[in-house]
Amino acid sequence: MDKIASIDIGLKRIGVAVAIGEMVFPRDAIIRKNRNQASSEVSSFLREESITKLVVGIPLGGSSEDEMRARVNHFISLLDFDGEVFLQDESFTSFEAKEIMKGKIKQKRDGKVDSISAKLILERWLKI
């Protein structure tokens, strides 16, 4: 059975989520110091979790779509990952994640919102 994860690549944090059956769970975000450190930590996570499919959020339709696609593809190329990679539109997931978290916690920069965004990306891809 495939083990599927998703990532929401940001400049400061990378949100992470994993599907277990038909349920998707956010995991601790990876704090991004630089591209190589971040890709190394994501690669380690994918290996440790035995992930076979990776869903990566990409903002589609905006004026910066081409630039963002290039950045996402470059980051993916840095990963030590042999599984399948899928791109999924992440439009508005950060906004939705902030709405979900409103009132639950202060908007800390601990990556919870980023990982909820990754959860939403994976749910969209799985169509849950």
Foldseek 3Di string as FASTA:
>chain_A
DAKEKEWEDDPFWIWIWTDDPLAIDTDFIHGDPDLLVNLVVVLVVCVVSVHQEYEYEAAPDDPCRVVRVVVVVVSVVSHPHDHHYHYFHLPCLLVVLCVVCVPVDPPDPRCSSRNSSRRVRVCVVVVD
